[in-house]
Amino acid sequence: MPGAITAVMRKPRYVKSTWSLFAADVATGETLYAMNPDTKSFTGSCRKLFSVGLALKQLGADHRFSTPVYRQGTVDAQGQLTGDLILVAAGDLTLGGRLNGDDTIAYTDFDHNDANNLGTAILTPQDPLHGLYTLALQVRAAGIKSVSGDVIVDDRLFESFRVPNQHLLITPIMVNENMVDVTITPTNPGDDASMTWRPRSDAFSVEGAVQTTAEGTPDTVKLSGNGLAECIGSAGCAGTISGDIPIGFQAPLSDSPSLVQTFRIEDPPTFARIAFIEALGRAGVTVTAPSLGPNPVAKLPAADSYAAENRVAEFVSPRYAEYAKLILKVSLNLGANLSLMLYGLTQGKRTITDALAVERHTLVDTMGLEADAFDFPTNGSGSPDSQATPRAAVQLLAEMAKTDVASVYQAALPILGVDGSLAHSGTSLPAKGHVFAKTGTTIDATGLKAQNLAGYIDTRSGRRLAFALFLNDAGPIEAISDVSEVFEDEAVITNALYESC
């Protein structure tokens, strides 16, 4: 083992930690380094390599999601629809909310999905309601000027479920990934800070105020309800924000002068329905039914009864390759769990239990992983309970390297010193730009339960390695910088692999 690797692993911080490492040549299968390769460890978000990988392999890089709107009823000469308008959810993760003009999806190195955990986020500039408004314009272009019935969101694509990590709700319909973003910027001491939020909708608003305090005072911003928006559909549904933010505020990690926090939408179909009715209004389509109130699923027709001639709008997403990149670059838990369900749907499965079972079957019986080398009991994103051996992770990576989506899969991973969750690690190392790896962080009451890396290294000598570097039980955390230091230590290890193989 190179001295640069052992020097990191023997640091005092890791005296009670467990390291495991497996690295193999992708082309030949030759094992290059093995240290506890068959020790099952908590994976953190390295678990996403499996859920997103299988979905990418099965759906294909060019797969696109089509979200249609159907009319139930007739449209008269004046453009009045006598009946209902139904938006059928298709499992589109972003629904146009991150769409660039070149058919790609925008992301930042500090995505809003972890804003509340990390105390930082940099928002993408796109309108989160873009997809809904595009559909609304198409409805109007189809000749519908008014709807005398109701507007309904059909979210029956799969059974919604929750995962243990953040008690996150996974649903077939998503607007702004089921979040409301709040941005707070200090103004002058003693004055209210500037506060904005998005997406703007009567479904949910933000109230209260944050006071600007003197430089050097603590940031004490808090969200009501533990950041959960549980009143969606009710009149006056709002979250409250309070606390202080100092002059000269700099967010952790990103150094942004603004604090971004998020409320989690706990009834996505109802939120999407309200926002769609509002979008219809902006597009010139009036709706008789009140916008506020629960999504009226009892009015839905049979799921297989939609006729092509009644389709009045359709939003088509970018390629799934773009979604894989978004999910893996920023470690989007919602997207990884959605990907698991999308893979399950390709196998005729509509529940999380069945999707997990068919994923395990594929990994063992098709890809050849040992059945006892991994355990994914509850979710597709990783924490808190997913476990695997380094050998199992490398075997998955090697199998993915044989597929026709191999280059897309590798490019979707964070790149050391360049982008995603590795953008700020290893920036001065020779391996910068040559390590493509998924990070996996799990923090619990004991501290850093897991900090892992797994992916590919294009080495100095021209080899391509598949590797998994797992660190469990890395000790207490007093500040986010403690985690950053572990990231940097692992970057040094990958650099040693880059230079020695």
Protein backbone atom coordinates (compact mmCIF):
# COMPACT_ATOMS: atom_id res chain seq x y z
CA MET A 1 0.00 0.00 0.00
CA PRO A 2 1.50 3.38 -0.94
CA GLY A 3 2.84 5.37 1.98
CA ALA A 4 0.60 8.32 1.10
CA ILE A 5 -2.43 6.10 1.76
CA THR A 6 -1.24 4.62 5.05
CA ALA A 7 -0.16 8.07 6.27
CA VAL A 8 -3.75 9.28 5.98
CA MET A 9 -5.30 6.18 7.51
CA ARG A 10 -2.97 6.36 10.54
CA LYS A 11 -3.91 9.92 11.48
CA PRO A 12 -5.03 10.27 15.13
CA ARG A 13 -8.55 11.17 13.99
CA TYR A 14 -9.00 7.67 12.56
CA VAL A 15 -7.63 5.61 15.44
CA LYS A 16 -11.08 4.12 16.13
CA SER A 17 -12.24 4.14 12.51
CA THR A 18 -12.56 1.30 10.03
CA TRP A 19 -11.06 1.76 6.59
CA SER A 20 -11.72 -0.54 3.67
CA LEU A 21 -10.50 -0.24 0.10
CA PHE A 22 -10.77 -2.21 -3.10
CA ALA A 23 -9.42 -1.11 -6.47
CA ALA A 24 -9.35 -3.08 -9.72
CA ASP A 25 -8.42 -2.48 -13.34
CA VAL A 26 -11.68 -2.11 -15.29
CA ALA A 27 -10.27 -3.58 -18.51
CA THR A 28 -8.53 -6.65 -17.06
CA GLY A 29 -10.25 -7.18 -13.71
CA GLU A 30 -6.85 -7.29 -12.00
CA THR A 31 -7.02 -6.47 -8.30
CA LEU A 32 -4.61 -3.65 -7.53
CA TYR A 33 -5.32 -2.87 -3.87
CA ALA A 34 -7.41 -4.71 -1.31
CA MET A 35 -7.85 -3.74 2.32
CA ASN A 36 -10.83 -5.26 4.13
CA PRO A 37 -12.53 -5.61 0.73
CA ASP A 38 -15.28 -7.87 2.04
CA THR A 39 -16.13 -5.86 5.14
CA LYS A 40 -19.72 -4.67 4.89
CA SER A 41 -19.85 -0.96 5.65
CA PHE A 42 -22.46 1.77 5.75
CA THR A 43 -22.46 3.22 2.27
CA GLY A 44 -24.08 6.62 2.75
CA SER A 45 -24.90 8.04 -0.67
CA CYS A 46 -22.57 5.65 -2.49
CA ARG A 47 -25.78 3.60 -2.48
CA LYS A 48 -26.98 5.90 -5.30
CA LEU A 49 -24.47 4.23 -7.64
CA PHE A 50 -26.74 1.18 -7.59
CA SER A 51 -30.20 2.75 -7.84
CA VAL A 52 -29.28 5.33 -10.47
CA GLY A 53 -27.01 2.91 -12.32
CA LEU A 54 -29.73 0.30 -12.82
CA ALA A 55 -32.29 2.91 -13.85
CA LEU A 56 -29.83 4.42 -16.35
CA LYS A 57 -29.01 0.98 -17.75
CA GLN A 58 -32.66 -0.04 -18.07
CA LEU A 59 -34.25 3.23 -19.21
CA GLY A 60 -31.32 4.28 -21.39
CA ALA A 61 -29.53 7.60 -21.51
CA ASP A 62 -32.00 8.99 -24.06
CA HIS A 63 -35.20 8.19 -22.16
CA ARG A 64 -37.52 11.17 -21.70
CA PHE A 65 -40.47 11.60 -19.37
CA SER A 66 -43.74 12.75 -20.93
CA THR A 67 -46.20 14.42 -18.56
CA PRO A 68 -49.59 14.75 -20.33
CA VAL A 69 -52.78 16.67 -19.58
CA TYR A 70 -56.10 15.16 -20.65
CA ARG A 71 -59.58 16.60 -20.86
CA GLN A 72 -62.51 14.55 -19.59
CA GLY A 73 -65.50 16.00 -21.40
CA THR A 74 -66.26 18.12 -24.43
CA VAL A 75 -65.15 21.59 -25.50
CA ASP A 76 -67.78 23.84 -27.06
CA ALA A 77 -67.35 26.53 -29.71
CA GLN A 78 -66.64 29.15 -27.04
CA GLY A 79 -63.75 27.11 -25.64
CA GLN A 80 -65.51 25.89 -22.50
CA LEU A 81 -64.56 22.44 -21.29
CA THR A 82 -67.55 20.78 -19.69
CA GLY A 83 -65.68 18.35 -17.53
CA ASP A 84 -62.33 17.95 -15.81
CA LEU A 85 -58.74 18.65 -16.76
CA ILE A 86 -56.29 15.98 -15.54
CA LEU A 87 -52.50 16.24 -15.25
CA VAL A 88 -51.04 12.73 -15.20
CA ALA A 89 -47.79 12.51 -13.23
CA ALA A 90 -45.01 10.65 -15.03
CA GLY A 91 -42.25 10.66 -12.42
CA ASP A 92 -40.46 13.68 -13.90
CA LEU A 93 -38.02 14.76 -11.18
CA THR A 94 -37.78 18.42 -12.20
CA LEU A 95 -40.84 19.06 -14.42
CA GLY A 96 -38.96 21.80 -16.27
CA GLY A 97 -37.85 23.60 -13.13
CA ARG A 98 -34.11 23.33 -13.96
CA LEU A 99 -34.31 23.39 -17.74
CA ASN A 100 -31.52 25.17 -19.61
CA GLY A 101 -32.06 26.36 -23.15
CA ASP A 102 -29.88 23.56 -24.57
CA ASP A 103 -31.96 20.64 -23.25
CA THR A 104 -29.72 20.21 -20.21
CA ILE A 105 -30.55 20.44 -16.50
CA ALA A 106 -29.01 23.08 -14.25
CA TYR A 107 -27.44 22.29 -10.88
CA THR A 108 -25.00 23.97 -8.52
CA ASP A 109 -22.24 22.62 -6.31
CA PHE A 110 -24.42 23.46 -3.28
CA ASP A 111 -27.89 22.26 -4.18
CA HIS A 112 -31.02 23.21 -2.26
CA ASN A 113 -31.80 19.61 -1.30
CA ASP A 114 -29.24 19.83 1.54
CA ALA A 115 -29.76 23.49 2.44
CA ASN A 116 -31.16 22.83 5.92
CA ASN A 117 -28.48 20.28 6.82
CA LEU A 118 -25.50 22.23 5.55
CA GLY A 119 -26.77 25.76 6.16
CA THR A 120 -25.96 26.67 2.59
CA ALA A 121 -27.28 26.43 -0.96
CA ILE A 122 -26.91 28.22 -4.26
CA LEU A 123 -30.16 28.17 -6.20
CA THR A 124 -30.38 27.62 -9.92
CA PRO A 125 -31.92 30.63 -11.73
CA GLN A 126 -34.71 28.82 -13.59
CA ASP A 127 -38.43 29.20 -12.79
CA PRO A 128 -39.56 26.16 -10.78
CA LEU A 129 -43.04 26.52 -12.31
CA HIS A 130 -41.81 26.47 -15.92
CA GLY A 131 -43.22 23.02 -16.69
CA LEU A 132 -46.67 23.78 -15.31
CA TYR A 133 -46.86 27.06 -17.21
CA THR A 134 -45.76 25.35 -20.43
CA LEU A 135 -48.58 22.83 -20.00
CA ALA A 136 -51.05 25.64 -19.28
CA LEU A 137 -50.08 27.47 -22.48
CA GLN A 138 -50.61 24.27 -24.45
CA VAL A 139 -54.05 23.79 -22.90
CA ARG A 140 -54.99 27.30 -24.04
CA ALA A 141 -53.51 26.63 -27.50
CA ALA A 142 -55.71 23.52 -27.72
CA GLY A 143 -58.73 25.83 -27.66
CA ILE A 144 -59.71 25.56 -24.02
CA LYS A 145 -60.55 28.93 -22.48
CA SER A 146 -62.47 27.79 -19.40
CA VAL A 147 -62.95 24.64 -17.35
CA SER A 148 -66.37 24.14 -15.77
CA GLY A 149 -65.30 21.01 -13.94
CA ASP A 150 -62.23 20.45 -11.79
CA VAL A 151 -58.47 20.21 -12.21
CA ILE A 152 -56.95 17.00 -10.87
CA VAL A 153 -53.45 15.57 -10.56
CA ASP A 154 -53.31 11.82 -11.23
CA ASP A 155 -50.45 10.57 -9.06
CA ARG A 156 -51.11 6.83 -9.41
CA LEU A 157 -47.90 5.98 -11.31
CA PHE A 158 -46.59 4.27 -8.18
CA GLU A 159 -47.48 4.14 -4.51
CA SER A 160 -45.93 7.10 -2.72
CA PHE A 161 -43.62 6.18 0.17
CA ARG A 162 -41.28 7.61 2.77
CA VAL A 163 -37.64 6.80 3.40
CA PRO A 164 -35.87 7.04 6.78
CA ASN A 165 -33.42 9.75 5.70
CA GLN A 166 -35.22 13.02 6.59
CA HIS A 167 -38.51 11.06 6.52
CA LEU A 168 -38.53 12.11 2.88
CA LEU A 169 -41.75 11.63 0.88
CA ILE A 170 -41.28 10.20 -2.62
CA THR A 171 -44.13 10.93 -5.04
CA PRO A 172 -44.83 10.65 -8.79
CA ILE A 173 -45.49 14.41 -9.06
CA MET A 174 -42.89 16.98 -8.05
CA VAL A 175 -42.66 20.75 -8.33
CA ASN A 176 -39.28 22.25 -7.37
CA GLU A 177 -38.44 18.78 -6.03
CA ASN A 178 -41.24 19.30 -3.47
CA MET A 179 -39.52 22.23 -1.79
CA VAL A 180 -40.14 25.92 -1.17
CA ASP A 181 -36.84 27.82 -1.15
CA VAL A 182 -36.41 30.77 1.22
CA THR A 183 -33.51 33.20 0.71
CA ILE A 184 -32.52 35.58 3.56
CA THR A 185 -29.98 38.35 3.08
CA PRO A 186 -28.89 40.81 5.83
CA THR A 187 -29.62 44.51 5.30
CA ASN A 188 -28.79 47.03 8.07
CA PRO A 189 -28.41 46.34 11.81
CA GLY A 190 -31.80 46.61 13.50
CA ASP A 191 -33.74 46.29 10.23
CA ASP A 192 -35.54 43.26 8.85
CA ALA A 193 -33.41 41.16 6.56
CA SER A 194 -34.44 40.80 2.93
CA MET A 195 -36.54 37.67 2.44
CA THR A 196 -37.81 36.04 -0.74
CA TRP A 197 -39.20 32.61 -1.51
CA ARG A 198 -40.06 30.41 -4.46
CA PRO A 199 -42.12 29.05 -6.05
CA ARG A 200 -44.77 31.68 -5.43
CA SER A 201 -48.23 30.16 -5.03
CA ASP A 202 -51.32 30.55 -2.87
CA ALA A 203 -50.66 26.94 -1.89
CA PHE A 204 -47.96 28.09 0.54
CA SER A 205 -46.47 31.40 1.60
CA VAL A 206 -43.76 32.47 4.03
CA GLU A 207 -44.43 34.83 6.93
CA GLY A 208 -42.46 36.41 9.76
CA ALA A 209 -39.20 38.29 9.71
CA VAL A 210 -35.52 37.84 10.37
CA GLN A 211 -33.69 40.73 12.03
CA THR A 212 -30.33 41.94 10.80
CA THR A 213 -27.82 42.08 13.66
CA ALA A 214 -24.26 43.33 14.15
CA GLU A 215 -21.35 41.66 12.43
CA GLY A 216 -20.02 38.67 14.32
CA THR A 217 -23.28 37.82 16.08
CA PRO A 218 -24.70 34.32 15.52
CA ASP A 219 -27.08 33.25 12.79
CA THR A 220 -30.23 31.98 14.58
CA VAL A 221 -32.68 31.63 11.69
CA LYS A 222 -35.39 29.04 12.30
CA LEU A 223 -38.24 27.61 10.24
CA SER A 224 -41.59 26.74 11.78
CA GLY A 225 -42.82 23.16 11.86
CA ASN A 226 -39.32 21.72 11.48
CA GLY A 227 -39.39 23.01 7.92
CA LEU A 228 -42.43 20.95 6.91
CA ALA A 229 -45.29 22.47 4.91
CA GLU A 230 -48.15 20.31 6.18
CA CYS A 231 -51.13 22.61 5.56
CA ILE A 232 -51.12 22.50 1.75
CA GLY A 233 -54.66 22.92 0.43
CA SER A 234 -55.86 24.99 3.38
CA ALA A 235 -56.60 28.71 3.15
CA GLY A 236 -53.75 30.82 4.51
CA CYS A 237 -51.26 27.93 4.50
CA ALA A 238 -47.91 29.43 5.47
CA GLY A 239 -44.63 28.77 7.18
CA THR A 240 -43.00 31.17 9.60
CA ILE A 241 -39.39 32.21 9.60
CA SER A 242 -37.71 33.93 12.56
CA GLY A 243 -34.37 34.68 14.20
CA ASP A 244 -31.34 36.81 13.43
CA ILE A 245 -28.76 37.04 10.65
CA PRO A 246 -25.62 39.17 11.03
CA ILE A 247 -24.10 41.77 8.76
CA GLY A 248 -21.29 40.14 6.80
CA PHE A 249 -22.98 36.73 6.94
CA GLN A 250 -21.21 34.02 4.97
CA ALA A 251 -22.86 30.64 4.53
CA PRO A 252 -20.76 27.60 5.47
CA LEU A 253 -18.80 25.98 2.63
CA SER A 254 -20.17 28.22 -0.15
CA ASP A 255 -19.38 31.59 1.54
CA SER A 256 -22.60 32.92 0.03
CA PRO A 257 -23.78 36.26 1.51
CA SER A 258 -27.33 34.88 1.67
CA LEU A 259 -28.81 32.03 3.69
CA VAL A 260 -31.02 29.57 1.82
CA GLN A 261 -33.38 27.30 3.74
CA THR A 262 -36.25 25.15 2.53
CA PHE A 263 -39.73 24.10 3.54
CA ARG A 264 -40.64 20.56 2.50
CA ILE A 265 -44.01 20.19 0.74
CA GLU A 266 -45.86 17.34 2.43
CA ASP A 267 -48.74 17.07 -0.07
CA PRO A 268 -47.13 17.36 -3.51
CA PRO A 269 -50.23 16.45 -5.60
CA THR A 270 -52.32 19.17 -3.93
CA PHE A 271 -49.51 21.71 -4.28
CA ALA A 272 -49.09 20.83 -7.97
CA ARG A 273 -52.86 21.10 -8.56
CA ILE A 274 -53.05 24.58 -7.01
CA ALA A 275 -49.97 25.77 -8.87
CA PHE A 276 -51.33 24.36 -12.14
CA ILE A 277 -54.67 26.15 -11.72
CA GLU A 278 -52.73 29.36 -11.13
CA ALA A 279 -50.63 28.70 -14.24
CA LEU A 280 -53.79 28.11 -16.26
CA GLY A 281 -55.08 31.49 -15.10
CA ARG A 282 -51.87 33.20 -16.24
CA ALA A 283 -52.25 31.45 -19.61
CA GLY A 284 -55.80 32.74 -20.04
CA VAL A 285 -57.76 29.66 -18.94
CA THR A 286 -60.34 30.17 -16.21
CA VAL A 287 -61.26 27.35 -13.84
CA THR A 288 -64.61 27.24 -12.05
CA ALA A 289 -63.46 24.98 -9.23
CA PRO A 290 -61.71 26.71 -6.31
CA SER A 291 -57.95 26.29 -6.38
CA LEU A 292 -57.61 25.73 -2.63
CA GLY A 293 -58.61 22.36 -1.28
CA PRO A 294 -57.30 18.80 -1.51
CA ASN A 295 -56.49 17.14 -4.81
CA PRO A 296 -59.86 15.48 -5.71
CA VAL A 297 -58.55 12.02 -6.56
CA ALA A 298 -62.00 10.45 -6.13
CA LYS A 299 -62.97 12.08 -9.45
CA LEU A 300 -60.22 10.33 -11.41
CA PRO A 301 -61.25 7.90 -14.16
CA ALA A 302 -59.74 4.44 -14.50
CA ALA A 303 -56.00 4.71 -14.95
CA ASP A 304 -56.10 2.98 -18.35
CA SER A 305 -58.99 5.02 -19.74
CA TYR A 306 -57.15 8.07 -21.10
CA ALA A 307 -57.68 8.44 -24.84
CA ALA A 308 -54.96 9.90 -27.05
CA GLU A 309 -57.47 12.19 -28.79
CA ASN A 310 -58.26 13.80 -25.41
CA ARG A 311 -54.69 14.79 -24.71
CA VAL A 312 -54.48 18.59 -24.76
CA ALA A 313 -50.93 19.15 -23.49
CA GLU A 314 -47.67 17.31 -22.90
CA PHE A 315 -44.41 18.32 -21.27
CA VAL A 316 -41.40 16.31 -22.45
CA SER A 317 -38.34 16.25 -20.21
CA PRO A 318 -34.64 16.30 -21.04
CA ARG A 319 -32.88 12.92 -21.37
CA TYR A 320 -32.54 10.69 -18.33
CA ALA A 321 -28.76 11.12 -18.71
CA GLU A 322 -29.30 14.66 -17.44
CA TYR A 323 -31.26 13.41 -14.45
CA ALA A 324 -28.56 10.87 -13.59
CA LYS A 325 -26.01 13.68 -13.65
CA LEU A 326 -28.14 15.89 -11.39
CA ILE A 327 -28.77 13.11 -8.87
CA LEU A 328 -25.19 11.89 -8.64
CA LYS A 329 -23.42 15.25 -8.85
CA VAL A 330 -25.37 16.83 -5.97
CA SER A 331 -26.45 13.61 -4.19
CA LEU A 332 -30.17 14.26 -4.61
CA ASN A 333 -31.92 11.81 -2.27
CA LEU A 334 -35.32 12.42 -3.82
CA GLY A 335 -33.97 11.60 -7.27
CA ALA A 336 -32.21 8.42 -6.20
CA ASN A 337 -35.34 7.04 -4.58
CA LEU A 338 -37.39 8.06 -7.59
CA SER A 339 -34.86 6.26 -9.80
CA LEU A 340 -35.29 3.10 -7.75
CA MET A 341 -39.05 3.28 -8.33
CA LEU A 342 -38.60 4.01 -12.03
CA TYR A 343 -36.46 0.90 -12.29
CA GLY A 344 -39.14 -1.03 -10.42
CA LEU A 345 -41.77 0.21 -12.86
CA THR A 346 -39.77 -1.19 -15.79
CA GLN A 347 -40.17 -4.56 -14.08
CA GLY A 348 -43.87 -4.08 -13.38
CA LYS A 349 -43.41 -3.11 -9.71
CA ARG A 350 -45.29 -0.18 -8.12
CA THR A 351 -44.25 -0.31 -4.46
CA ILE A 352 -40.94 0.43 -2.78
CA THR A 353 -40.83 -3.06 -1.26
CA ASP A 354 -41.20 -4.71 -4.64
CA ALA A 355 -38.75 -2.30 -6.30
CA LEU A 356 -36.09 -3.12 -3.70
CA ALA A 357 -36.70 -6.85 -4.22
CA VAL A 358 -36.38 -6.69 -8.01
CA GLU A 359 -33.27 -4.51 -7.71
CA ARG A 360 -31.66 -7.13 -5.42
CA HIS A 361 -32.62 -9.87 -7.85
CA THR A 362 -30.96 -7.99 -10.73
CA LEU A 363 -27.78 -7.25 -8.78
CA VAL A 364 -27.37 -10.86 -7.67
CA ASP A 365 -28.73 -12.91 -10.57
CA THR A 366 -27.81 -10.68 -13.51
CA MET A 367 -24.79 -8.69 -12.36
CA GLY A 368 -23.31 -11.45 -10.22
CA LEU A 369 -22.92 -9.66 -6.87
CA GLU A 370 -22.79 -11.90 -3.82
CA ALA A 371 -26.12 -11.87 -2.00
CA ASP A 372 -24.51 -11.26 1.40
CA ALA A 373 -22.21 -8.48 0.09
CA PHE A 374 -24.86 -5.75 0.32
CA ASP A 375 -28.01 -4.90 2.24
CA PHE A 376 -30.36 -2.16 1.03
CA PRO A 377 -33.39 -2.57 3.30
CA THR A 378 -35.39 0.65 2.99
CA ASN A 379 -34.36 3.10 0.29
CA GLY A 380 -32.43 3.97 -2.86
CA SER A 381 -30.46 6.93 -1.53
CA GLY A 382 -28.27 5.42 1.20
CA SER A 383 -28.53 6.68 4.75
CA PRO A 384 -29.08 5.55 7.38
CA ASP A 385 -29.08 1.78 6.85
CA SER A 386 -27.66 0.81 3.44
CA GLN A 387 -24.53 -1.35 3.61
CA ALA A 388 -22.18 -2.92 1.08
CA THR A 389 -18.65 -4.23 0.77
CA PRO A 390 -16.06 -2.38 -1.31
CA ARG A 391 -15.87 -5.45 -3.55
CA ALA A 392 -19.62 -5.28 -4.27
CA ALA A 393 -19.39 -1.59 -5.18
CA VAL A 394 -16.43 -2.22 -7.50
CA GLN A 395 -18.20 -5.16 -9.10
CA LEU A 396 -21.20 -2.92 -9.84
CA LEU A 397 -18.90 -0.26 -11.30
CA ALA A 398 -17.13 -2.85 -13.45
CA GLU A 399 -20.45 -4.20 -14.73
CA MET A 400 -21.70 -0.70 -15.53
CA ALA A 401 -18.47 -0.08 -17.47
CA LYS A 402 -19.54 -2.86 -19.87
CA THR A 403 -22.88 -1.26 -20.73
CA ASP A 404 -23.78 1.13 -23.52
CA VAL A 405 -24.32 3.87 -20.91
CA ALA A 406 -20.83 3.48 -19.40
CA SER A 407 -19.53 6.88 -20.50
CA VAL A 408 -22.73 8.65 -19.42
CA TYR A 409 -22.59 6.93 -16.02
CA GLN A 410 -18.97 7.92 -15.40
CA ALA A 411 -19.55 11.52 -16.56
CA ALA A 412 -22.52 11.82 -14.19
CA LEU A 413 -20.29 11.31 -11.15
CA PRO A 414 -18.75 14.21 -9.22
CA ILE A 415 -15.27 15.01 -10.53
CA LEU A 416 -12.46 15.65 -8.06
CA GLY A 417 -11.70 19.35 -7.80
CA VAL A 418 -14.13 20.20 -10.60
CA ASP A 419 -17.82 19.81 -9.82
CA GLY A 420 -20.60 18.37 -7.69
CA SER A 421 -19.88 17.17 -4.18
CA LEU A 422 -16.15 16.92 -5.01
CA ALA A 423 -15.81 20.44 -6.44
CA HIS A 424 -13.91 21.74 -3.42
CA SER A 425 -11.80 18.66 -2.65
CA GLY A 426 -8.38 17.88 -4.10
CA THR A 427 -8.24 21.13 -6.05
CA SER A 428 -4.43 21.26 -5.89
CA LEU A 429 -3.76 17.54 -6.38
CA PRO A 430 -2.46 16.01 -9.63
CA ALA A 431 -5.54 13.75 -9.67
CA LYS A 432 -7.83 16.77 -10.07
CA GLY A 433 -10.14 16.08 -13.00
CA HIS A 434 -9.20 12.39 -13.14
CA VAL A 435 -11.27 10.97 -10.27
CA PHE A 436 -14.99 10.39 -10.95
CA ALA A 437 -16.60 9.29 -7.71
CA LYS A 438 -19.79 9.32 -5.70
CA THR A 439 -19.45 10.63 -2.17
CA GLY A 440 -21.31 9.00 0.70
CA THR A 441 -21.73 10.84 3.99
CA THR A 442 -23.75 9.65 6.97
CA ILE A 443 -23.90 11.73 10.15
CA ASP A 444 -25.61 10.50 13.30
CA ALA A 445 -25.50 11.18 17.03
CA THR A 446 -21.96 9.74 17.29
CA GLY A 447 -20.61 12.00 14.57
CA LEU A 448 -19.36 10.96 11.14
CA LYS A 449 -20.77 7.47 10.81
CA ALA A 450 -19.62 7.07 7.22
CA GLN A 451 -17.60 9.02 4.69
CA ASN A 452 -17.05 7.11 1.49
CA LEU A 453 -15.96 7.44 -2.12
CA ALA A 454 -16.59 5.01 -4.97
CA GLY A 455 -16.20 5.39 -8.70
CA TYR A 456 -13.52 5.48 -11.38
CA ILE A 457 -9.98 6.83 -11.67
CA ASP A 458 -8.29 7.48 -14.98
CA THR A 459 -4.73 7.01 -13.75
CA ARG A 460 -1.55 8.76 -14.79
CA SER A 461 -0.38 5.58 -16.56
CA GLY A 462 -3.56 5.35 -18.66
CA ARG A 463 -5.43 2.71 -16.72
CA ARG A 464 -9.05 3.03 -15.69
CA LEU A 465 -9.70 1.84 -12.16
CA ALA A 466 -12.94 1.04 -10.41
CA PHE A 467 -12.50 1.68 -6.70
CA ALA A 468 -14.37 1.89 -3.43
CA LEU A 469 -12.92 3.63 -0.39
CA PHE A 470 -15.11 3.26 2.70
CA LEU A 471 -14.51 4.96 6.05
CA ASN A 472 -16.85 4.16 8.93
CA ASP A 473 -16.91 5.61 12.45
CA ALA A 474 -14.77 8.67 11.79
CA GLY A 475 -15.53 10.34 15.10
CA PRO A 476 -17.37 13.41 16.41
CA ILE A 477 -18.06 16.52 14.37
CA GLU A 478 -17.81 19.99 15.86
CA ALA A 479 -18.16 21.92 12.59
CA ILE A 480 -18.84 21.30 8.91
CA SER A 481 -15.12 21.87 8.34
CA ASP A 482 -14.47 18.57 10.14
CA VAL A 483 -16.28 16.78 7.31
CA SER A 484 -14.40 18.81 4.70
CA GLU A 485 -11.10 17.67 6.21
CA VAL A 486 -12.12 14.01 5.80
CA PHE A 487 -13.10 14.72 2.19
CA GLU A 488 -9.61 16.13 1.62
CA ASP A 489 -7.93 13.13 3.27
CA GLU A 490 -9.84 10.80 0.96
CA ALA A 491 -8.88 12.96 -2.01
CA VAL A 492 -5.23 12.40 -1.05
CA ILE A 493 -5.85 8.63 -1.08
CA THR A 494 -7.42 8.76 -4.53
CA ASN A 495 -4.46 10.83 -5.70
CA ALA A 496 -2.14 8.08 -4.49
CA LEU A 497 -4.15 5.56 -6.54
CA TYR A 498 -3.99 7.87 -9.54
CA GLU A 499 -0.21 8.19 -9.33
CA SER A 500 0.70 4.61 -8.39
CA CYS A 501 -1.44 2.53 -10.77
